[in-house]
Amino acid sequence: MRLTVLGSGSSGNGYVLEARTSALILECGVPPKVLHKLVSFPTSKIAGCLVSHEHIDHAKYAESYAKMGIRIFASAGTCRAIDERKEKAGRYFPSWTLRPLMPLSTTLIGEWKVRTFDVVHDAEEPFGFIIEHRECGRILFITDTSFCKYNFRDLAPDHIMVEANYDDGILNQNVVQGTVEQPRAERTRRSHMSIRQACDLIRANQTAELKTVLLMHLSQDNADPALFVQKAEETALFARVLAAGRGLVVYMNKNENLAVL
């Protein structure tokens, strides 16, 4: 299983999981031209695109992806918010394109088994996902949330993709220095996961099966990638830990050692 990072952060989020015969996109906050640049397989291989919520850094290019024939899967609230945004602009999605997912449910998207769960964010109906495929096992994908009330340890995730948006100390220092305004800092704490919270989630969900931890959505101002990787490595002692960045390629297999290009 090949994971390609199209983008990770407030400027746009996108990830591609590529199996031998199928692919699944996570988020559509990155334009199609980046997708075409970083992956080489035909669009017909893409089973769909999962979207966690409607904010533009995660869903800005939903219409563009739909025009490529890619089905968009998200919560009913997220689908509605995306549709309303395009309707205000005088544009409409074909009825087959937006596919609403139910909370705490399981859906088959081609070869992919997707389980949904609710998260805490200032959006209509944000979701996290458990993504399962025979080549990679189970992936826990959780971003843009202040915490997670669920525990997935019994599912023994093989890989965890988790937001690590900020560090409390760095954020506080930026507020004192005036580089981050207090309202923005308060929203960050209400709506995003810190590296401390990310490590708590990793600790609560890791088993001997955990092979990969990918830290996502690091803030440009309030994060330190090297420090965050170090902290996560201290938590996930037997997993490879990486910070997501455009162009990163990781092999996330179920039964093989990882390789990074």
Protein backbone atom coordinates (compact mmCIF):
# COMPACT_ATOMS: atom_id res chain seq x y z
CA MET A 1 0.00 0.00 0.00
CA ARG A 2 1.47 3.31 -1.10
CA LEU A 3 0.50 6.53 0.68
CA THR A 4 1.27 9.81 -1.07
CA VAL A 5 0.87 13.12 0.75
CA LEU A 6 -0.56 15.79 -1.57
CA GLY A 7 -0.61 18.40 1.16
CA SER A 8 -0.99 18.68 4.92
CA GLY A 9 -1.85 21.88 6.74
CA SER A 10 -3.99 24.97 6.53
CA SER A 11 -2.91 25.59 2.92
CA GLY A 12 -4.59 22.35 1.82
CA ASN A 13 -4.92 18.71 2.84
CA GLY A 14 -4.88 15.64 0.64
CA TYR A 15 -3.63 12.05 0.87
CA VAL A 16 -3.80 9.17 -1.59
CA LEU A 17 -3.88 5.50 -0.61
CA GLU A 18 -2.92 3.35 -3.59
CA ALA A 19 -3.37 -0.41 -3.59
CA ARG A 20 -2.56 -2.67 -6.53
CA THR A 21 -5.96 -2.37 -8.19
CA SER A 22 -7.68 0.52 -6.41
CA ALA A 23 -7.00 3.91 -4.83
CA LEU A 24 -8.74 6.05 -2.24
CA ILE A 25 -8.26 9.79 -1.73
CA LEU A 26 -8.51 11.32 1.74
CA GLU A 27 -9.58 14.99 1.66
CA CYS A 28 -9.81 17.24 -1.40
CA GLY A 29 -8.20 20.46 -0.22
CA VAL A 30 -5.47 20.23 -2.85
CA PRO A 31 -6.07 21.00 -6.55
CA PRO A 32 -6.21 18.18 -9.11
CA LYS A 33 -3.01 19.41 -10.78
CA VAL A 34 -1.09 18.40 -7.64
CA LEU A 35 -2.78 14.99 -7.68
CA HIS A 36 -1.77 14.50 -11.31
CA LYS A 37 1.77 15.63 -10.57
CA LEU A 38 2.39 13.35 -7.60
CA VAL A 39 0.60 10.16 -8.66
CA SER A 40 0.81 8.38 -11.99
CA PHE A 41 -2.19 6.04 -12.06
CA PRO A 42 -5.36 6.78 -14.09
CA THR A 43 -8.39 8.41 -12.48
CA SER A 44 -10.40 5.27 -13.18
CA LYS A 45 -8.45 3.55 -10.41
CA ILE A 46 -9.86 5.92 -7.76
CA ALA A 47 -12.78 4.39 -5.85
CA GLY A 48 -13.70 7.66 -4.17
CA CYS A 49 -12.63 10.53 -1.95
CA LEU A 50 -13.32 10.70 1.78
CA VAL A 51 -13.80 14.20 3.21
CA SER A 52 -13.67 14.80 6.96
CA HIS A 53 -15.51 18.17 6.90
CA GLU A 54 -16.37 21.10 4.65
CA HIS A 55 -13.66 23.66 5.49
CA ILE A 56 -11.83 24.79 2.37
CA ASP A 57 -8.45 23.36 3.37
CA HIS A 58 -10.14 19.94 3.27
CA ALA A 59 -12.92 20.33 0.68
CA LYS A 60 -12.16 23.31 -1.57
CA TYR A 61 -11.71 21.16 -4.68
CA ALA A 62 -14.63 18.79 -4.18
CA GLU A 63 -16.29 20.14 -7.33
CA SER A 64 -13.10 19.73 -9.36
CA TYR A 65 -12.69 16.15 -8.19
CA ALA A 66 -16.34 15.45 -8.99
CA LYS A 67 -15.82 16.72 -12.52
CA MET A 68 -13.07 14.09 -12.85
CA GLY A 69 -15.69 11.43 -12.08
CA ILE A 70 -14.58 10.91 -8.48
CA ARG A 71 -17.35 10.27 -5.94
CA ILE A 72 -17.17 12.32 -2.74
CA PHE A 73 -18.00 10.51 0.52
CA ALA A 74 -18.67 12.50 3.69
CA SER A 75 -21.24 12.98 6.42
CA ALA A 76 -24.67 14.27 5.45
CA GLY A 77 -23.83 17.57 7.13
CA THR A 78 -20.58 17.91 5.22
CA CYS A 79 -22.26 17.04 1.91
CA ARG A 80 -24.95 19.61 2.59
CA ALA A 81 -22.41 22.31 3.45
CA ILE A 82 -20.38 21.60 0.30
CA ASP A 83 -23.51 21.61 -1.84
CA GLU A 84 -24.78 24.86 -0.33
CA ARG A 85 -21.45 26.57 -0.91
CA LYS A 86 -21.52 25.67 -4.59
CA GLU A 87 -25.22 26.57 -4.88
CA LYS A 88 -24.48 30.08 -3.60
CA ALA A 89 -21.89 30.35 -6.36
CA GLY A 90 -24.49 29.25 -8.90
CA ARG A 91 -22.97 25.80 -9.43
CA TYR A 92 -24.40 22.36 -8.65
CA PHE A 93 -23.09 18.86 -8.11
CA PRO A 94 -24.49 15.95 -10.12
CA SER A 95 -26.77 13.93 -7.83
CA TRP A 96 -24.51 10.87 -7.99
CA THR A 97 -21.37 12.70 -6.87
CA LEU A 98 -21.94 13.54 -3.19
CA ARG A 99 -22.45 10.35 -1.19
CA PRO A 100 -23.53 10.90 2.44
CA LEU A 101 -22.21 8.52 5.09
CA MET A 102 -24.03 7.73 8.32
CA PRO A 103 -22.30 8.26 11.69
CA LEU A 104 -20.92 5.16 13.42
CA SER A 105 -21.57 3.06 10.33
CA THR A 106 -19.59 0.94 7.88
CA THR A 107 -19.57 1.45 4.11
CA LEU A 108 -17.84 -0.42 1.31
CA ILE A 109 -16.23 1.86 -1.27
CA GLY A 110 -14.95 -0.55 -3.86
CA GLU A 111 -12.24 -2.59 -2.14
CA TRP A 112 -12.19 -0.27 0.86
CA LYS A 113 -14.10 -0.77 4.11
CA VAL A 114 -14.76 2.58 5.80
CA ARG A 115 -16.12 3.07 9.32
CA THR A 116 -17.15 6.54 10.45
CA PHE A 117 -17.12 8.23 13.83
CA ASP A 118 -17.88 11.76 14.98
CA VAL A 119 -15.22 14.23 16.09
CA VAL A 120 -15.26 17.71 17.68
CA HIS A 121 -14.68 20.63 15.32
CA ASP A 122 -16.42 23.87 14.32
CA ALA A 123 -18.00 22.32 11.24
CA GLU A 124 -21.43 20.92 10.33
CA GLU A 125 -20.81 17.21 10.96
CA PRO A 126 -17.11 16.33 11.00
CA PHE A 127 -16.02 12.71 10.81
CA GLY A 128 -12.99 10.59 11.49
CA PHE A 129 -12.51 7.28 9.70
CA ILE A 130 -11.27 3.73 10.16
CA ILE A 131 -10.13 2.64 6.71
CA GLU A 132 -9.52 -1.03 6.01
CA HIS A 133 -8.00 -2.82 3.02
CA ARG A 134 -6.44 -6.25 2.71
CA GLU A 135 -3.05 -4.76 1.74
CA CYS A 136 -2.66 -2.25 4.59
CA GLY A 137 -4.88 -3.58 7.35
CA ARG A 138 -6.62 -0.87 9.38
CA ILE A 139 -5.82 2.85 9.29
CA LEU A 140 -7.13 5.22 11.95
CA PHE A 141 -7.56 8.65 10.31
CA ILE A 142 -8.42 11.55 12.61
CA THR A 143 -7.90 15.24 11.99
CA ASP A 144 -9.32 18.63 12.98
CA THR A 145 -10.69 17.76 16.38
CA SER A 146 -9.95 18.84 19.92
CA PHE A 147 -10.26 15.28 21.25
CA CYS A 148 -11.64 11.83 20.46
CA LYS A 149 -14.16 10.20 22.78
CA TYR A 150 -13.76 6.77 21.19
CA ASN A 151 -11.13 4.10 21.71
CA PHE A 152 -10.14 1.81 18.86
CA ARG A 153 -7.63 -0.40 20.63
CA ASP A 154 -9.77 -3.51 20.13
CA LEU A 155 -9.52 -2.95 16.36
CA ALA A 156 -5.69 -2.95 16.65
CA PRO A 157 -4.94 -0.28 14.02
CA ASP A 158 -1.95 -1.06 11.82
CA HIS A 159 -1.43 2.63 11.06
CA ILE A 160 -2.51 5.89 12.70
CA MET A 161 -2.83 9.14 10.76
CA VAL A 162 -3.45 11.82 13.38
CA GLU A 163 -3.53 15.59 13.53
CA ALA A 164 -0.78 17.21 15.62
CA ASN A 165 -1.58 20.85 14.95
CA TYR A 166 0.20 22.73 17.72
CA ASP A 167 2.26 22.65 20.87
CA ASP A 168 0.85 24.45 23.92
CA GLY A 169 4.17 26.06 24.78
CA ILE A 170 4.81 27.33 21.25
CA LEU A 171 1.26 28.62 20.92
CA ASN A 172 1.42 30.43 24.27
CA GLN A 173 4.74 32.00 23.34
CA ASN A 174 3.33 33.22 20.02
CA VAL A 175 0.38 34.81 21.84
CA VAL A 176 2.74 36.62 24.24
CA GLN A 177 4.90 37.82 21.35
CA GLY A 178 1.84 38.98 19.43
CA THR A 179 2.41 36.78 16.37
CA VAL A 180 -0.82 34.88 17.09
CA GLU A 181 -3.93 36.76 18.24
CA GLN A 182 -5.76 35.46 21.30
CA PRO A 183 -9.04 34.63 19.46
CA ARG A 184 -7.13 32.52 16.96
CA ALA A 185 -5.32 30.73 19.77
CA GLU A 186 -8.60 30.01 21.51
CA ARG A 187 -10.11 28.58 18.32
CA THR A 188 -7.01 26.44 17.79
CA ARG A 189 -7.43 24.90 21.24
CA ARG A 190 -11.18 24.35 20.75
CA SER A 191 -10.97 22.83 17.28
CA HIS A 192 -7.58 21.18 16.81
CA MET A 193 -5.46 18.52 18.42
CA SER A 194 -2.14 19.36 20.05
CA ILE A 195 0.90 17.11 19.92
CA ARG A 196 0.22 16.20 23.54
CA GLN A 197 -3.33 15.14 22.69
CA ALA A 198 -2.08 13.27 19.61
CA CYS A 199 0.36 11.32 21.77
CA ASP A 200 -2.45 10.55 24.23
CA LEU A 201 -4.53 9.16 21.33
CA ILE A 202 -1.61 7.09 20.04
CA ARG A 203 -0.98 5.70 23.52
CA ALA A 204 -4.64 4.81 24.00
CA ASN A 205 -4.94 3.00 20.67
CA GLN A 206 -1.60 1.36 20.02
CA THR A 207 -1.02 -2.36 20.15
CA ALA A 208 1.78 -4.57 18.90
CA GLU A 209 0.17 -4.29 15.45
CA LEU A 210 0.90 -0.57 15.10
CA LYS A 211 3.45 -0.01 12.33
CA THR A 212 3.09 3.62 11.25
CA VAL A 213 2.23 6.94 12.83
CA LEU A 214 1.80 9.86 10.46
CA LEU A 215 1.47 13.27 12.11
CA MET A 216 -0.76 15.52 9.99
CA HIS A 217 -1.94 19.13 9.76
CA LEU A 218 1.00 20.67 11.62
CA SER A 219 0.59 24.42 12.03
CA GLN A 220 3.15 26.54 10.25
CA ASP A 221 3.39 28.87 13.25
CA ASN A 222 2.66 26.69 16.26
CA ALA A 223 4.41 23.40 15.50
CA ASP A 224 7.92 21.96 15.36
CA PRO A 225 8.03 18.87 13.09
CA ALA A 226 11.27 17.45 14.50
CA LEU A 227 10.13 17.91 18.10
CA PHE A 228 6.70 16.44 17.32
CA VAL A 229 8.21 13.34 15.71
CA GLN A 230 10.48 12.90 18.72
CA LYS A 231 7.54 13.14 21.14
CA ALA A 232 5.47 10.67 19.13
CA GLU A 233 8.40 8.26 18.92
CA GLU A 234 8.62 8.30 22.71
CA THR A 235 4.97 7.20 22.77
CA ALA A 236 4.85 4.77 19.82
CA LEU A 237 8.00 2.87 20.70
CA PHE A 238 7.81 0.24 17.95
CA ALA A 239 6.21 2.21 15.09
CA ARG A 240 7.79 4.41 12.48
CA VAL A 241 6.80 8.03 13.05
CA LEU A 242 6.72 10.62 10.27
CA ALA A 243 5.50 14.19 9.83
CA ALA A 244 3.36 14.67 6.73
CA GLY A 245 4.58 17.00 4.02
CA ARG A 246 3.79 17.40 0.33
CA GLY A 247 5.45 14.70 -1.74
CA LEU A 248 6.11 12.29 1.12
CA VAL A 249 5.59 8.68 0.05
CA VAL A 250 5.19 5.94 2.62
CA TYR A 251 4.52 2.24 2.11
CA MET A 252 1.89 1.24 4.64
CA ASN A 253 1.60 -2.51 4.38
CA LYS A 254 -0.01 -4.97 6.74
CA ASN A 255 2.62 -7.68 6.86
CA GLU A 256 5.82 -6.10 5.53
CA ASN A 257 8.43 -3.68 6.81
CA LEU A 258 7.85 -0.05 5.90
CA ALA A 259 9.81 1.76 3.23
CA VAL A 260 9.92 5.50 2.66
CA LEU A 261 10.91 7.18 -0.59
